[in-house]
Amino acid sequence: MVAFAGVDHVSFSVTDLDRSERFYTDVFDLIRVMDFGNGRILLHRHTGFMFAIATHDGAQGAPFTELATGLDHLAFSAESRDELVAWEKKLHALGITYTPIRDMELGYHLNFRDPDNIALEINAPNDVLAAWLAEFKQREVPQQEIESRLNEYLASLASDPASD
């Protein structure tokens, strides 16, 4: 079976390389490893994740909108809700507008936007999703079982008065 090892990099078209580089290096502690003039490659030292930003001749220059076909948002992983609290404090200290942490059915997320209005998220699984993800790494779970479990779990949340 052909497989991939993970996500190698992501590349965003931006309107101002310097402004975007400052944003991404400040928020995610990236370092610049290459500058091509019209594009730069930034790297997260601890994970090896590469983040590219580029400008293009003839680009529209309009702010990003998830309403156009293509990217909706990019989500980064956090280990826990406590880590999201730390991220929230960092975004606040940097003066970045964000939505408060949202507790959802399968985890928690914190949303914000970059200087070109590109939607970004930092997400952490709750205990239920973390257990499912660990199990999915151990064995192939049939689609029908996944759907059945999810439906049972969501129904249990709907009937639990503590979830209101």
N, C-alpha and C. Protein backbone atom coordinates (compact mmCIF):
# COMPACT_ATOMS: atom_id res chain seq x y z
N MET A 1 0.84 -1.18 0.00
CA MET A 1 0.00 0.00 0.00
C MET A 1 0.89 1.24 0.00
N VAL A 2 0.53 2.21 -0.82
CA VAL A 2 1.25 3.48 -0.86
C VAL A 2 0.72 4.35 0.27
N ALA A 3 1.62 4.95 1.01
CA ALA A 3 1.22 5.80 2.14
C ALA A 3 2.09 7.03 2.17
N PHE A 4 1.67 8.02 2.93
CA PHE A 4 2.53 9.18 3.14
C PHE A 4 2.86 9.27 4.62
N ALA A 5 3.99 9.89 4.92
CA ALA A 5 4.51 9.91 6.28
C ALA A 5 3.95 11.05 7.12
N GLY A 6 3.30 12.00 6.51
CA GLY A 6 2.77 13.16 7.23
C GLY A 6 2.74 14.34 6.30
N VAL A 7 2.46 15.50 6.82
CA VAL A 7 2.45 16.72 6.01
C VAL A 7 3.85 17.29 6.01
N ASP A 8 4.38 17.55 4.82
CA ASP A 8 5.73 18.07 4.67
C ASP A 8 5.77 19.58 4.86
N HIS A 9 4.89 20.28 4.17
CA HIS A 9 4.87 21.74 4.27
C HIS A 9 3.54 22.27 3.77
N VAL A 10 3.33 23.52 4.04
CA VAL A 10 2.19 24.24 3.50
C VAL A 10 2.75 25.54 2.94
N SER A 11 2.11 26.06 1.90
CA SER A 11 2.56 27.31 1.30
C SER A 11 1.36 28.24 1.12
N PHE A 12 1.51 29.46 1.59
CA PHE A 12 0.44 30.46 1.47
C PHE A 12 0.90 31.58 0.54
N SER A 13 0.00 32.04 -0.30
CA SER A 13 0.22 33.27 -1.07
C SER A 13 -0.13 34.43 -0.15
N VAL A 14 0.77 35.40 -0.05
CA VAL A 14 0.58 36.53 0.85
C VAL A 14 0.80 37.84 0.09
N THR A 15 0.39 38.93 0.69
CA THR A 15 0.56 40.23 0.03
C THR A 15 1.86 40.92 0.42
N ASP A 16 2.41 40.60 1.58
CA ASP A 16 3.61 41.27 2.08
C ASP A 16 4.48 40.24 2.79
N LEU A 17 5.60 39.86 2.16
CA LEU A 17 6.47 38.81 2.72
C LEU A 17 7.01 39.18 4.10
N ASP A 18 7.48 40.40 4.26
CA ASP A 18 8.06 40.80 5.53
C ASP A 18 7.02 40.74 6.65
N ARG A 19 5.85 41.28 6.40
CA ARG A 19 4.78 41.28 7.42
C ARG A 19 4.37 39.86 7.77
N SER A 20 4.20 39.02 6.76
CA SER A 20 3.80 37.63 7.02
C SER A 20 4.90 36.85 7.73
N GLU A 21 6.14 37.07 7.34
CA GLU A 21 7.24 36.39 8.02
C GLU A 21 7.27 36.76 9.50
N ARG A 22 7.12 38.05 9.80
CA ARG A 22 7.10 38.48 11.21
C ARG A 22 5.97 37.79 11.97
N PHE A 23 4.79 37.76 11.36
CA PHE A 23 3.63 37.14 12.01
C PHE A 23 3.91 35.67 12.32
N TYR A 24 4.32 34.90 11.32
CA TYR A 24 4.50 33.46 11.52
C TYR A 24 5.71 33.12 12.40
N THR A 25 6.75 33.92 12.32
CA THR A 25 7.89 33.65 13.22
C THR A 25 7.54 34.03 14.65
N ASP A 26 6.78 35.11 14.83
CA ASP A 26 6.38 35.50 16.18
C ASP A 26 5.39 34.51 16.79
N VAL A 27 4.40 34.11 16.02
CA VAL A 27 3.35 33.23 16.56
C VAL A 27 3.85 31.81 16.76
N PHE A 28 4.50 31.25 15.75
CA PHE A 28 4.85 29.83 15.78
C PHE A 28 6.33 29.55 16.02
N ASP A 29 7.11 30.59 16.33
CA ASP A 29 8.54 30.42 16.59
C ASP A 29 9.27 29.73 15.44
N LEU A 30 8.93 30.15 14.22
CA LEU A 30 9.59 29.61 13.03
C LEU A 30 10.87 30.40 12.76
N ILE A 31 11.77 29.79 12.02
CA ILE A 31 12.97 30.49 11.57
C ILE A 31 13.00 30.45 10.05
N ARG A 32 13.57 31.48 9.45
CA ARG A 32 13.69 31.49 7.99
C ARG A 32 14.91 30.65 7.61
N VAL A 33 14.70 29.73 6.67
CA VAL A 33 15.82 28.92 6.19
C VAL A 33 16.16 29.22 4.73
N MET A 34 15.24 29.85 4.01
CA MET A 34 15.52 30.21 2.61
C MET A 34 14.72 31.42 2.20
N ASP A 35 15.32 32.24 1.34
CA ASP A 35 14.64 33.40 0.77
C ASP A 35 14.87 33.37 -0.73
N PHE A 36 13.81 33.23 -1.49
CA PHE A 36 13.90 33.17 -2.95
C PHE A 36 13.56 34.51 -3.59
N GLY A 37 13.43 35.56 -2.80
CA GLY A 37 13.02 36.86 -3.33
C GLY A 37 11.51 37.00 -3.30
N ASN A 38 10.83 36.15 -4.04
CA ASN A 38 9.36 36.20 -4.05
C ASN A 38 8.75 35.12 -3.15
N GLY A 39 9.58 34.43 -2.42
CA GLY A 39 9.09 33.40 -1.52
C GLY A 39 10.12 33.09 -0.44
N ARG A 40 9.62 32.62 0.67
CA ARG A 40 10.49 32.27 1.79
C ARG A 40 10.03 30.95 2.39
N ILE A 41 10.99 30.20 2.89
CA ILE A 41 10.67 28.96 3.60
C ILE A 41 11.03 29.16 5.06
N LEU A 42 10.04 28.93 5.91
CA LEU A 42 10.19 29.04 7.35
C LEU A 42 10.12 27.64 7.94
N LEU A 43 10.81 27.42 9.02
CA LEU A 43 10.91 26.08 9.59
C LEU A 43 10.63 26.12 11.09
N HIS A 44 9.90 25.12 11.55
CA HIS A 44 9.73 24.91 12.98
C HIS A 44 10.80 23.91 13.40
N ARG A 45 11.76 24.36 14.18
CA ARG A 45 12.94 23.54 14.52
C ARG A 45 12.59 22.21 15.18
N HIS A 46 11.61 22.21 16.06
CA HIS A 46 11.35 21.00 16.85
C HIS A 46 10.59 19.92 16.09
N THR A 47 9.75 20.32 15.14
CA THR A 47 8.97 19.31 14.41
C THR A 47 9.47 19.10 12.99
N GLY A 48 10.23 20.04 12.46
CA GLY A 48 10.68 19.95 11.08
C GLY A 48 9.63 20.42 10.08
N PHE A 49 8.51 20.90 10.57
CA PHE A 49 7.45 21.38 9.69
C PHE A 49 7.92 22.62 8.95
N MET A 50 7.72 22.62 7.63
CA MET A 50 8.12 23.77 6.81
C MET A 50 6.88 24.55 6.41
N PHE A 51 7.01 25.85 6.48
CA PHE A 51 5.92 26.76 6.16
C PHE A 51 6.46 27.74 5.14
N ALA A 52 5.87 27.77 3.95
CA ALA A 52 6.34 28.66 2.89
C ALA A 52 5.34 29.80 2.70
N ILE A 53 5.88 30.97 2.41
CA ILE A 53 5.06 32.11 2.05
C ILE A 53 5.58 32.65 0.73
N ALA A 54 4.70 33.11 -0.12
CA ALA A 54 5.12 33.57 -1.45
C ALA A 54 4.22 34.70 -1.93
N THR A 55 4.81 35.55 -2.76
CA THR A 55 4.04 36.56 -3.49
C THR A 55 4.10 36.18 -4.96
N HIS A 56 3.10 36.59 -5.71
CA HIS A 56 3.02 36.22 -7.13
C HIS A 56 2.72 37.46 -7.97
N ASP A 57 3.44 37.59 -9.10
CA ASP A 57 3.13 38.66 -10.05
C ASP A 57 1.68 38.49 -10.51
N GLY A 58 0.97 39.58 -10.57
CA GLY A 58 -0.42 39.53 -11.03
C GLY A 58 -1.41 39.04 -9.99
N ALA A 59 -0.95 38.86 -8.75
CA ALA A 59 -1.85 38.39 -7.69
C ALA A 59 -2.95 39.43 -7.46
N GLN A 60 -4.11 38.96 -7.04
CA GLN A 60 -5.25 39.84 -6.81
C GLN A 60 -5.04 40.77 -5.63
N GLY A 61 -4.34 40.33 -4.62
CA GLY A 61 -4.07 41.17 -3.46
C GLY A 61 -5.23 41.37 -2.52
N ALA A 62 -6.34 40.72 -2.79
CA ALA A 62 -7.50 40.84 -1.91
C ALA A 62 -7.29 39.98 -0.67
N PRO A 63 -7.90 40.35 0.46
CA PRO A 63 -7.78 39.51 1.66
C PRO A 63 -8.36 38.12 1.42
N PHE A 64 -7.81 37.16 2.10
CA PHE A 64 -8.29 35.78 2.04
C PHE A 64 -9.75 35.70 2.47
N THR A 65 -10.47 34.80 1.85
CA THR A 65 -11.80 34.45 2.31
C THR A 65 -12.00 32.95 2.14
N GLU A 66 -12.52 32.32 3.18
CA GLU A 66 -12.81 30.89 3.11
C GLU A 66 -14.04 30.62 2.25
N LEU A 67 -14.69 31.67 1.76
CA LEU A 67 -15.87 31.51 0.91
C LEU A 67 -15.49 31.23 -0.54
N ALA A 68 -14.20 31.40 -0.89
CA ALA A 68 -13.73 31.04 -2.23
C ALA A 68 -13.31 29.57 -2.21
N THR A 69 -13.47 28.90 -3.33
CA THR A 69 -13.05 27.51 -3.42
C THR A 69 -11.55 27.41 -3.15
N GLY A 70 -11.18 26.43 -2.35
CA GLY A 70 -9.79 26.24 -1.97
C GLY A 70 -9.68 26.05 -0.48
N LEU A 71 -8.67 26.60 0.10
CA LEU A 71 -8.43 26.46 1.53
C LEU A 71 -9.55 27.07 2.35
N ASP A 72 -10.00 26.36 3.37
CA ASP A 72 -10.95 26.92 4.34
C ASP A 72 -10.18 27.47 5.52
N HIS A 73 -9.31 26.66 6.11
CA HIS A 73 -8.44 27.09 7.19
C HIS A 73 -7.34 26.05 7.37
N LEU A 74 -6.33 26.42 8.12
CA LEU A 74 -5.26 25.50 8.47
C LEU A 74 -5.25 25.35 9.97
N ALA A 75 -5.26 24.11 10.44
CA ALA A 75 -5.28 23.85 11.88
C ALA A 75 -3.96 23.23 12.31
N PHE A 76 -3.43 23.74 13.41
CA PHE A 76 -2.23 23.21 14.02
C PHE A 76 -2.63 22.40 15.25
N SER A 77 -1.81 21.44 15.64
CA SER A 77 -2.14 20.56 16.75
C SER A 77 -1.57 21.07 18.06
N ALA A 78 -2.35 20.87 19.10
CA ALA A 78 -1.90 21.06 20.47
C ALA A 78 -2.22 19.77 21.20
N GLU A 79 -1.54 19.52 22.30
CA GLU A 79 -1.74 18.28 23.05
C GLU A 79 -2.97 18.31 23.94
N SER A 80 -3.30 19.51 24.46
CA SER A 80 -4.36 19.57 25.47
C SER A 80 -5.03 20.94 25.47
N ARG A 81 -6.14 21.00 26.19
CA ARG A 81 -6.82 22.28 26.35
C ARG A 81 -5.93 23.26 27.12
N ASP A 82 -5.15 22.75 28.08
CA ASP A 82 -4.24 23.61 28.83
C ASP A 82 -3.23 24.29 27.90
N GLU A 83 -2.77 23.56 26.88
CA GLU A 83 -1.86 24.18 25.90
C GLU A 83 -2.58 25.28 25.14
N LEU A 84 -3.86 25.08 24.85
CA LEU A 84 -4.61 26.13 24.16
C LEU A 84 -4.72 27.39 25.01
N VAL A 85 -4.85 27.21 26.31
CA VAL A 85 -4.87 28.37 27.21
C VAL A 85 -3.56 29.14 27.09
N ALA A 86 -2.44 28.43 27.02
CA ALA A 86 -1.14 29.08 26.85
C ALA A 86 -1.07 29.79 25.50
N TRP A 87 -1.60 29.16 24.45
CA TRP A 87 -1.65 29.79 23.13
C TRP A 87 -2.50 31.06 23.17
N GLU A 88 -3.62 31.00 23.85
CA GLU A 88 -4.50 32.16 23.97
C GLU A 88 -3.73 33.33 24.61
N LYS A 89 -2.97 33.04 25.65
CA LYS A 89 -2.17 34.08 26.32
C LYS A 89 -1.11 34.65 25.37
N LYS A 90 -0.50 33.77 24.57
CA LYS A 90 0.52 34.24 23.63
C LYS A 90 -0.09 35.14 22.57
N LEU A 91 -1.22 34.71 22.00
CA LEU A 91 -1.88 35.53 20.98
C LEU A 91 -2.27 36.89 21.56
N HIS A 92 -2.78 36.89 22.78
CA HIS A 92 -3.16 38.13 23.45
C HIS A 92 -1.94 39.04 23.62
N ALA A 93 -0.82 38.47 24.06
CA ALA A 93 0.40 39.25 24.26
C ALA A 93 0.92 39.84 22.95
N LEU A 94 0.67 39.12 21.83
CA LEU A 94 1.12 39.61 20.52
C LEU A 94 0.12 40.57 19.90
N GLY A 95 -1.02 40.79 20.55
CA GLY A 95 -2.03 41.70 20.02
C GLY A 95 -2.82 41.13 18.87
N ILE A 96 -2.89 39.80 18.80
CA ILE A 96 -3.61 39.13 17.71
C ILE A 96 -5.04 38.85 18.16
N THR A 97 -6.01 39.22 17.33
CA THR A 97 -7.41 38.96 17.61
C THR A 97 -7.68 37.47 17.45
N TYR A 98 -8.41 36.90 18.39
CA TYR A 98 -8.73 35.46 18.34
C TYR A 98 -10.10 35.26 18.94
N THR A 99 -10.67 34.10 18.67
CA THR A 99 -11.91 33.73 19.34
C THR A 99 -11.51 33.00 20.62
N PRO A 100 -12.29 33.13 21.68
CA PRO A 100 -11.97 32.35 22.88
C PRO A 100 -11.99 30.85 22.55
N ILE A 101 -11.31 30.09 23.36
CA ILE A 101 -11.28 28.64 23.16
C ILE A 101 -12.70 28.11 23.12
N ARG A 102 -12.97 27.29 22.14
CA ARG A 102 -14.30 26.69 22.01
C ARG A 102 -14.21 25.21 22.37
N ASP A 103 -15.07 24.79 23.29
CA ASP A 103 -15.17 23.38 23.66
C ASP A 103 -16.19 22.74 22.73
N MET A 104 -15.73 21.82 21.93
CA MET A 104 -16.58 21.16 20.94
C MET A 104 -16.74 19.68 21.30
N GLU A 105 -17.51 18.97 20.51
CA GLU A 105 -17.82 17.58 20.79
C GLU A 105 -16.59 16.69 20.88
N LEU A 106 -15.60 16.94 20.03
CA LEU A 106 -14.43 16.06 19.98
C LEU A 106 -13.13 16.76 20.36
N GLY A 107 -13.24 17.96 20.87
CA GLY A 107 -12.02 18.63 21.27
C GLY A 107 -12.24 20.11 21.48
N TYR A 108 -11.14 20.83 21.41
CA TYR A 108 -11.14 22.24 21.72
C TYR A 108 -10.39 22.97 20.61
N HIS A 109 -10.85 24.17 20.27
CA HIS A 109 -10.10 24.90 19.26
C HIS A 109 -10.10 26.39 19.52
N LEU A 110 -9.04 27.00 19.01
CA LEU A 110 -8.77 28.42 19.16
C LEU A 110 -8.55 28.95 17.74
N ASN A 111 -9.33 29.93 17.32
CA ASN A 111 -9.26 30.43 15.95
C ASN A 111 -8.72 31.86 15.92
N PHE A 112 -7.97 32.17 14.86
CA PHE A 112 -7.44 33.52 14.64
C PHE A 112 -7.07 33.64 13.17
N ARG A 113 -6.63 34.80 12.75
CA ARG A 113 -6.29 35.03 11.34
C ARG A 113 -4.93 35.69 11.21
N ASP A 114 -4.30 35.43 10.06
CA ASP A 114 -3.00 36.04 9.80
C ASP A 114 -3.21 37.44 9.18
N PRO A 115 -2.13 38.16 8.85
CA PRO A 115 -2.29 39.51 8.31
C PRO A 115 -3.07 39.59 6.99
N ASP A 116 -3.13 38.49 6.22
CA ASP A 116 -3.91 38.46 4.99
C ASP A 116 -5.29 37.86 5.20
N ASN A 117 -5.69 37.72 6.45
CA ASN A 117 -7.00 37.21 6.84
C ASN A 117 -7.13 35.70 6.66
N ILE A 118 -6.03 34.98 6.47
CA ILE A 118 -6.08 33.53 6.33
C ILE A 118 -6.48 32.93 7.67
N ALA A 119 -7.49 32.07 7.62
CA ALA A 119 -8.03 31.48 8.84
C ALA A 119 -7.10 30.39 9.37
N LEU A 120 -6.75 30.53 10.65
CA LEU A 120 -5.87 29.59 11.33
C LEU A 120 -6.56 29.08 12.59
N GLU A 121 -6.18 27.89 13.00
CA GLU A 121 -6.76 27.27 14.19
C GLU A 121 -5.69 26.48 14.90
N ILE A 122 -5.79 26.43 16.21
CA ILE A 122 -4.98 25.50 17.00
C ILE A 122 -6.00 24.60 17.70
N ASN A 123 -5.82 23.31 17.56
CA ASN A 123 -6.82 22.34 17.97
C ASN A 123 -6.20 21.30 18.90
N ALA A 124 -6.96 20.91 19.92
CA ALA A 124 -6.54 19.84 20.82
C ALA A 124 -7.69 18.86 20.97
N PRO A 125 -7.41 17.56 20.90
CA PRO A 125 -8.50 16.58 21.05
C PRO A 125 -8.92 16.45 22.50
N ASN A 126 -10.19 16.09 22.72
CA ASN A 126 -10.59 15.73 24.08
C ASN A 126 -10.21 14.27 24.33
N ASP A 127 -10.50 13.76 25.50
CA ASP A 127 -10.10 12.39 25.85
C ASP A 127 -10.72 11.35 24.93
N VAL A 128 -11.97 11.57 24.52
CA VAL A 128 -12.66 10.61 23.65
C VAL A 128 -11.95 10.53 22.30
N LEU A 129 -11.72 11.68 21.68
CA LEU A 129 -11.05 11.67 20.37
C LEU A 129 -9.62 11.15 20.49
N ALA A 130 -8.91 11.54 21.54
CA ALA A 130 -7.53 11.06 21.71
C ALA A 130 -7.50 9.54 21.79
N ALA A 131 -8.45 8.94 22.50
CA ALA A 131 -8.51 7.48 22.60
C ALA A 131 -8.83 6.86 21.24
N TRP A 132 -9.76 7.45 20.51
CA TRP A 132 -10.10 6.93 19.18
C TRP A 132 -8.89 7.01 18.25
N LEU A 133 -8.20 8.14 18.26
CA LEU A 133 -7.03 8.30 17.38
C LEU A 133 -5.95 7.27 17.71
N ALA A 134 -5.74 7.02 18.99
CA ALA A 134 -4.76 6.00 19.39
C ALA A 134 -5.19 4.63 18.88
N GLU A 135 -6.47 4.34 18.99
CA GLU A 135 -6.97 3.05 18.51
C GLU A 135 -6.83 2.94 16.99
N PHE A 136 -7.12 4.03 16.27
CA PHE A 136 -7.02 4.01 14.80
C PHE A 136 -5.58 3.73 14.34
N LYS A 137 -4.61 4.10 15.17
CA LYS A 137 -3.21 3.80 14.84
C LYS A 137 -2.90 2.32 15.04
N GLN A 138 -3.64 1.66 15.93
CA GLN A 138 -3.38 0.27 16.28
C GLN A 138 -4.09 -0.73 15.36
N ARG A 139 -5.28 -0.35 14.89
CA ARG A 139 -6.03 -1.30 14.07
C ARG A 139 -6.90 -0.56 13.07
N GLU A 140 -7.25 -1.27 12.02
CA GLU A 140 -8.19 -0.71 11.04
C GLU A 140 -9.59 -0.80 11.60
N VAL A 141 -10.24 0.33 11.72
CA VAL A 141 -11.60 0.37 12.24
C VAL A 141 -12.52 0.58 11.05
N PRO A 142 -13.46 -0.33 10.84
CA PRO A 142 -14.37 -0.18 9.68
C PRO A 142 -15.16 1.12 9.76
N GLN A 143 -15.43 1.69 8.61
CA GLN A 143 -16.17 2.95 8.52
C GLN A 143 -17.50 2.87 9.26
N GLN A 144 -18.19 1.77 9.12
CA GLN A 144 -19.49 1.61 9.78
C GLN A 144 -19.34 1.68 11.31
N GLU A 145 -18.28 1.09 11.85
CA GLU A 145 -18.05 1.15 13.29
C GLU A 145 -17.74 2.58 13.74
N ILE A 146 -16.95 3.29 12.93
CA ILE A 146 -16.63 4.68 13.25
C ILE A 146 -17.92 5.50 13.32
N GLU A 147 -18.75 5.36 12.29
CA GLU A 147 -20.00 6.12 12.24
C GLU A 147 -20.93 5.75 13.39
N SER A 148 -21.01 4.47 13.71
CA SER A 148 -21.88 4.02 14.80
C SER A 148 -21.41 4.59 16.14
N ARG A 149 -20.11 4.50 16.39
CA ARG A 149 -19.55 5.04 17.64
C ARG A 149 -19.79 6.54 17.75
N LEU A 150 -19.54 7.24 16.65
CA LEU A 150 -19.71 8.68 16.67
C LEU A 150 -21.16 9.04 16.96
N ASN A 151 -22.09 8.36 16.30
CA ASN A 151 -23.51 8.63 16.52
C ASN A 151 -23.91 8.35 17.97
N GLU A 152 -23.43 7.25 18.53
CA GLU A 152 -23.72 6.93 19.94
C GLU A 152 -23.15 8.00 20.87
N TYR A 153 -21.93 8.41 20.60
CA TYR A 153 -21.28 9.41 21.43
C TYR A 153 -22.03 10.74 21.36
N LEU A 154 -22.37 11.18 20.16
CA LEU A 154 -23.09 12.45 20.02
C LEU A 154 -24.47 12.38 20.68
N ALA A 155 -25.13 11.23 20.57
CA ALA A 155 -26.43 11.05 21.22
C ALA A 155 -26.28 11.12 22.74
N SER A 156 -25.19 10.55 23.27
CA SER A 156 -24.98 10.60 24.72
C SER A 156 -24.76 12.04 25.19
N LEU A 157 -24.12 12.86 24.38
CA LEU A 157 -23.91 14.26 24.74
C LEU A 157 -25.25 15.01 24.74
N ALA A 158 -26.10 14.69 23.75
CA ALA A 158 -27.38 15.38 23.64
C ALA A 158 -28.31 15.04 24.80
N SER A 159 -28.16 13.82 25.35
CA SER A 159 -29.05 13.41 26.45
C SER A 159 -28.46 13.71 27.82
N ASP A 160 -27.22 14.20 27.87
CA ASP A 160 -26.57 14.49 29.14
C ASP A 160 -26.87 15.93 29.56
N PRO A 161 -27.62 16.11 30.66
CA PRO A 161 -27.96 17.47 31.10
C PRO A 161 -26.73 18.30 31.45
N ALA A 162 -25.62 17.66 31.80
CA ALA A 162 -24.40 18.39 32.14
C ALA A 162 -23.76 19.03 30.91
N SER A 163 -24.14 18.57 29.71
CA SER A 163 -23.54 19.11 28.50
C SER A 163 -24.22 20.40 28.06
N ASP A 164 -25.29 20.81 28.74
CA ASP A 164 -25.99 22.06 28.37
C ASP A 164 -25.31 23.29 28.90
